[in-house]
Protein backbone atom coordinates (compact mmCIF):
# COMPACT_ATOMS: atom_id res chain seq x y z
CA MET A 1 21.15 -2.73 -1.58
CA PHE A 2 18.16 -4.13 0.16
CA ASP A 3 16.18 -2.87 3.05
CA ILE A 4 14.71 -5.63 5.23
CA ILE A 5 11.49 -5.02 7.11
CA THR A 6 10.26 -7.69 9.43
CA LYS A 7 6.80 -8.10 11.01
CA GLN A 8 5.75 -10.72 13.49
CA VAL A 9 2.25 -12.22 13.51
CA GLY A 10 1.86 -14.85 16.25
CA ASN A 11 4.87 -17.14 15.95
CA THR A 12 5.48 -16.34 12.32
CA ILE A 13 8.05 -13.90 11.13
CA TRP A 14 7.30 -12.15 7.89
CA LYS A 15 10.29 -10.64 6.13
CA PHE A 16 9.96 -8.05 3.34
CA GLU A 17 13.10 -7.60 1.21
CA CYS A 18 12.62 -4.16 -0.31
CA GLU A 19 14.62 -2.31 -2.94
CA SER A 20 14.25 0.99 -4.55
CA LYS A 21 15.86 1.73 -7.97
CA SER A 22 15.82 4.57 -10.38
CA ASN A 23 14.84 4.10 -14.03
CA ARG A 24 14.06 6.26 -17.00
CA ASN A 25 10.52 6.95 -15.89
CA GLY A 26 11.28 7.92 -12.27
CA PHE A 27 11.91 5.13 -9.74
CA PHE A 28 10.32 1.90 -8.52
CA HIS A 29 9.94 -0.17 -5.31
CA HIS A 30 10.50 -3.91 -5.67
CA VAL A 31 9.44 -6.11 -2.71
CA GLU A 32 9.70 -9.90 -2.05
CA LEU A 33 8.02 -11.62 0.82
CA TYR A 34 9.44 -14.47 3.05
CA LYS A 35 7.57 -16.44 5.68
CA ASP A 36 9.87 -17.71 8.49
CA GLY A 37 12.85 -17.35 6.14
CA ASP A 38 11.28 -19.11 3.15
CA TYR A 39 10.61 -17.27 -0.04
CA ILE A 40 6.91 -17.21 -1.01
CA PRO A 41 6.66 -17.76 -4.86
CA ARG A 42 4.71 -15.16 -6.72
CA SER A 43 4.42 -12.78 -3.82
CA VAL A 44 6.47 -10.07 -5.41
CA ALA A 45 5.32 -6.47 -5.82
CA HIS A 46 6.80 -3.98 -8.26
CA VAL A 47 5.40 -0.46 -7.90
CA GLN A 48 6.46 2.27 -10.38
CA TYR A 49 6.49 5.90 -9.24
CA TYR A 50 6.96 8.88 -11.64
CA ASN A 51 7.50 11.72 -9.25
CA ARG A 52 7.14 10.87 -5.52
CA THR A 53 5.00 8.60 -3.25
CA TRP A 54 2.46 9.59 -0.80
CA GLU A 55 3.20 6.59 1.47
CA ARG A 56 3.48 7.00 5.22
CA TYR A 57 6.85 5.31 4.97
CA LYS A 58 9.09 3.86 2.22
CA TYR A 59 7.94 0.68 0.48
CA GLN A 60 4.37 0.66 2.28
CA THR A 61 2.46 0.42 -0.93
CA ALA A 62 4.54 -2.48 -2.35
CA MET A 63 4.41 -4.35 0.92
CA LEU A 64 0.64 -4.01 1.07
CA SER A 65 0.49 -5.31 -2.55
CA CYS A 66 2.39 -8.41 -1.51
CA VAL A 67 0.02 -9.23 1.32
CA ASN A 68 -2.99 -8.55 -0.90
CA THR A 69 -1.52 -11.03 -3.42
CA ILE A 70 -1.58 -13.78 -0.74
CA LYS A 71 -4.99 -12.86 0.45
CA GLU A 72 -6.34 -13.15 -3.20
CA ARG A 73 -4.51 -16.43 -3.55
CA ILE A 74 -6.23 -17.83 -0.43
CA LEU A 75 -9.65 -16.83 -1.79
CA ASN A 76 -8.98 -18.19 -5.24
CA LYS A 77 -7.66 -21.51 -3.82
CA ALA A 78 -10.85 -21.89 -1.72
CA VAL A 79 -12.97 -21.50 -4.84
CA GLU A 80 -10.79 -24.08 -6.74
CA ILE A 81 -11.23 -26.54 -3.96
CA TRP A 82 -15.02 -25.87 -3.75
CA LYS A 83 -15.19 -26.53 -7.58
CA GLU A 84 -13.21 -29.77 -7.28
CA GLU A 85 -15.18 -31.07 -4.27
CA ASN A 86 -18.56 -30.27 -6.10
CA GLY A 87 -17.46 -31.55 -9.53
CA ARG A 88 -18.08 -28.22 -11.17
CA LYS A 89 -16.08 -26.09 -13.55
CA ARG A 90 -18.08 -22.94 -12.99
CA ILE A 91 -19.37 -21.18 -9.80
CA LEU A 92 -22.33 -18.90 -9.27
CA LYS A 93 -21.64 -15.45 -7.94
CA GLU A 94 -23.68 -16.22 -4.77
CA GLU A 95 -21.73 -19.49 -4.19
CA LYS A 96 -18.44 -17.69 -4.74
CA ASN A 97 -19.30 -15.06 -2.15
CA ALA A 98 -20.28 -17.78 0.24
CA VAL A 99 -16.95 -19.60 -0.36
CA HIS A 100 -14.99 -16.36 0.03
CA ASP A 101 -16.85 -15.57 3.37
CA ALA A 102 -15.91 -19.08 4.56
CA ALA A 103 -12.26 -18.73 3.47
CA LYS A 104 -12.05 -15.31 5.25
CA LYS A 105 -12.73 -17.08 8.53
CA SER A 106 -9.67 -19.34 8.13
CA LYS A 107 -6.59 -18.95 10.36
CA GLU A 108 -4.31 -18.25 7.38
CA TYR A 109 -6.60 -15.48 6.09
CA ALA A 110 -6.86 -13.92 9.52
CA GLU A 111 -3.01 -14.02 9.72
CA MET A 112 -2.84 -12.07 6.46
CA GLU A 113 -5.32 -9.60 7.81
CA MET A 114 -3.26 -8.90 10.85
CA LEU A 115 -0.08 -8.64 8.71
CA TYR A 116 -1.91 -6.24 6.42
CA ASP A 117 -2.88 -4.10 9.51
CA LEU A 118 0.74 -4.13 10.80
CA VAL A 119 2.07 -2.90 7.45
CA ASN A 120 -0.69 -0.38 6.87
CA ASN A 121 -0.63 1.13 10.46
CA ALA A 122 2.97 1.10 11.04
CA LYS A 123 4.49 4.37 11.97
CA TYR A 124 7.86 3.73 10.38
CA GLY A 125 9.23 1.38 7.73
CA THR A 126 12.84 0.36 7.84
CA GLU A 127 14.84 0.55 11.11
CA GLU A 128 17.08 3.35 9.65
CA GLU A 129 14.07 5.31 8.54
CA GLY A 130 12.44 4.84 11.98
CA LYS A 131 15.55 6.21 13.66
CA GLU A 132 15.51 9.29 11.46
CA LEU A 133 11.83 9.94 11.99
CA GLU A 134 12.06 9.40 15.77
CA PHE A 135 14.92 12.02 15.82
CA LEU A 136 12.80 14.54 13.89
CA ASP A 137 9.93 13.84 16.31
CA ARG A 138 12.14 14.59 19.20
CA MET A 139 13.38 17.64 17.49
CA LEU A 140 9.87 18.92 16.92
CA VAL A 141 8.94 18.39 20.55
CA LEU A 142 12.05 20.40 21.52
CA VAL A 143 11.20 23.18 19.10
CA GLN A 144 7.56 23.24 20.48
CA ALA A 145 8.94 23.38 24.08
CA LEU A 146 11.24 26.21 23.16
CA CYS A 147 8.43 28.16 21.53
CA GLN A 148 6.29 27.68 24.63
CA MET A 149 9.10 28.85 26.93
CA LYS A 150 9.54 31.86 24.66
CA ASN A 151 5.74 32.68 24.88
CA ASP A 152 5.85 32.14 28.71
CA VAL A 153 8.75 34.64 29.22
CA ALA A 154 7.06 37.27 26.95
């Protein structure tokens, strides 16, 4: 069974198809990324856990890995284009840094940065998980209110 997490950046809908499975070493999260319904080749993350995760919500690390893969691909593509345009097979470190800085100003890289921030700073992951956590948040507020009422009466 897949969990689907969607994020919107501008007019683009990013869909993460997430799956969690047990294996002999613990469990893993497997995530595939789709842009406006189209699968993005080689944007898959597979994260193995041996005990438990320290994520804010389920699949967060694997989702961030997918986004980072695309960010790296943008930077690598910019370097390849630079080499081709300049007729070179190698690039100096300073030149590579300059190319990366220019690529980081591109629209598609900025979109990936915004998607990364959405995934990284999200309060909840899946809709089902969000409902459960929202319920727990409401219960916590209720318990705090009851404790305050008890202190006020005493």
